[in-house]
Amino acid sequence: MINLDDFGKTPKEIIAAIASSEKEKRKRLGITQKEMSIRSGIPLSTLRRFEQTGEISLISLAKIAIVLNDEDGITSIFRKVGYASMKELLDARHHKG
């Protein structure tokens, strides 16, 4: 079994960083939690839980990103990466699926 803790940041650290960044940007833009809730259509309790724990659905996170005008931040999470060599490209095509 793979131990995710061996890959650098833990999942909890990653989601905490995302929540912290969202909260910082929201505040910098002068948007209150209540206003974010209304503009995004996300219940206030969900937004508060996200900012405290990092727990949120992907659809709700996308709604927040739209309000903060940061859709690129969401869509670039798993951005395409170029291949270092022709062999790497061919191997990727062989293992596609």
Protein backbone atom coordinates (compact mmCIF):
# COMPACT_ATOMS: atom_id res chain seq x y z
CA MET A 1 0.00 0.00 0.00
CA ILE A 2 1.23 3.50 -0.83
CA ASN A 3 1.86 5.89 2.05
CA LEU A 4 0.76 9.37 0.94
CA ASP A 5 2.88 10.93 3.68
CA ASP A 6 5.97 9.90 1.69
CA PHE A 7 5.15 12.36 -1.11
CA GLY A 8 5.92 15.66 0.63
CA LYS A 9 2.87 17.51 1.90
CA THR A 10 0.05 15.49 3.40
CA PRO A 11 -3.48 15.74 1.99
CA LYS A 12 -4.53 17.71 5.10
CA GLU A 13 -1.68 20.18 4.59
CA ILE A 14 -2.67 20.66 0.95
CA ILE A 15 -6.33 21.34 1.66
CA ALA A 16 -5.43 23.61 4.58
CA ALA A 17 -3.23 25.66 2.24
CA ILE A 18 -6.04 25.91 -0.33
CA ALA A 19 -8.53 27.03 2.32
CA SER A 20 -6.06 29.56 3.70
CA SER A 21 -5.42 30.99 0.23
CA GLU A 22 -9.14 31.26 -0.48
CA LYS A 23 -9.80 33.04 2.82
CA GLU A 24 -6.90 35.44 2.26
CA LYS A 25 -8.06 36.32 -1.27
CA ARG A 26 -11.69 36.68 -0.17
CA LYS A 27 -10.67 39.11 2.57
CA ARG A 28 -8.29 41.02 0.28
CA LEU A 29 -11.22 41.55 -2.11
CA GLY A 30 -13.40 42.77 0.76
CA ILE A 31 -15.89 39.91 0.46
CA THR A 32 -17.46 38.75 3.72
CA GLN A 33 -18.28 35.11 4.35
CA LYS A 34 -21.98 35.96 4.11
CA GLU A 35 -21.48 37.73 0.77
CA MET A 36 -19.39 34.82 -0.55
CA SER A 37 -22.14 32.45 0.49
CA ILE A 38 -24.78 34.46 -1.36
CA ARG A 39 -22.69 35.07 -4.49
CA SER A 40 -21.53 31.45 -4.77
CA GLY A 41 -24.76 29.77 -3.72
CA ILE A 42 -22.90 27.81 -1.07
CA PRO A 43 -24.44 27.58 2.42
CA LEU A 44 -22.64 29.80 4.92
CA SER A 45 -22.01 26.80 7.16
CA THR A 46 -20.24 25.02 4.27
CA LEU A 47 -18.03 28.03 3.62
CA ARG A 48 -17.15 28.34 7.31
CA ARG A 49 -16.31 24.62 7.51
CA PHE A 50 -14.11 24.95 4.43
CA GLU A 51 -12.18 27.89 5.84
CA GLN A 52 -11.71 26.11 9.18
CA THR A 53 -11.01 22.54 8.03
CA GLY A 54 -10.42 22.63 4.27
CA GLU A 55 -13.31 20.21 3.71
CA ILE A 56 -15.51 21.08 0.71
CA SER A 57 -16.91 19.44 -2.40
CA LEU A 58 -15.16 20.06 -5.69
CA ILE A 59 -18.28 21.72 -7.14
CA SER A 60 -18.42 24.15 -4.22
CA LEU A 61 -14.72 24.89 -4.56
CA ALA A 62 -15.27 25.66 -8.24
CA LYS A 63 -18.09 28.06 -7.32
CA ILE A 64 -15.79 29.88 -4.91
CA ALA A 65 -13.09 30.08 -7.58
CA ILE A 66 -15.57 31.67 -9.97
CA VAL A 67 -16.55 34.34 -7.43
CA LEU A 68 -12.87 35.04 -6.75
CA ASN A 69 -12.17 35.11 -10.51
CA ASP A 70 -9.68 32.29 -10.12
CA GLU A 71 -11.05 29.57 -12.40
CA ASP A 72 -7.56 28.98 -13.80
CA GLY A 73 -6.41 27.94 -10.34
CA ILE A 74 -8.93 25.09 -10.36
CA THR A 75 -8.50 23.99 -13.96
CA SER A 76 -4.72 23.92 -13.72
CA ILE A 77 -4.58 21.46 -10.82
CA PHE A 78 -3.92 18.54 -13.17
CA ARG A 79 -2.52 20.49 -16.08
CA LYS A 80 -0.97 18.66 -18.97
CA VAL A 81 2.74 18.19 -18.70
CA GLY A 82 5.07 17.97 -21.66
CA TYR A 83 7.10 14.86 -22.30
CA ALA A 84 10.85 14.89 -21.75
CA SER A 85 11.53 12.45 -24.59
CA MET A 86 9.92 10.54 -27.42
CA LYS A 87 10.30 7.37 -25.34
CA GLU A 88 8.31 8.94 -22.50
CA LEU A 89 5.56 9.93 -24.97
CA LEU A 90 5.42 6.46 -26.48
CA ASP A 91 5.40 4.82 -23.04
CA ALA A 92 2.52 7.09 -21.97
CA ARG A 93 0.53 6.19 -25.06
CA HIS A 94 1.22 2.49 -24.45
CA HIS A 95 -0.04 2.72 -20.85
CA LYS A 96 -3.00 4.98 -21.68
CA GLY A 97 -6.18 4.05 -19.95
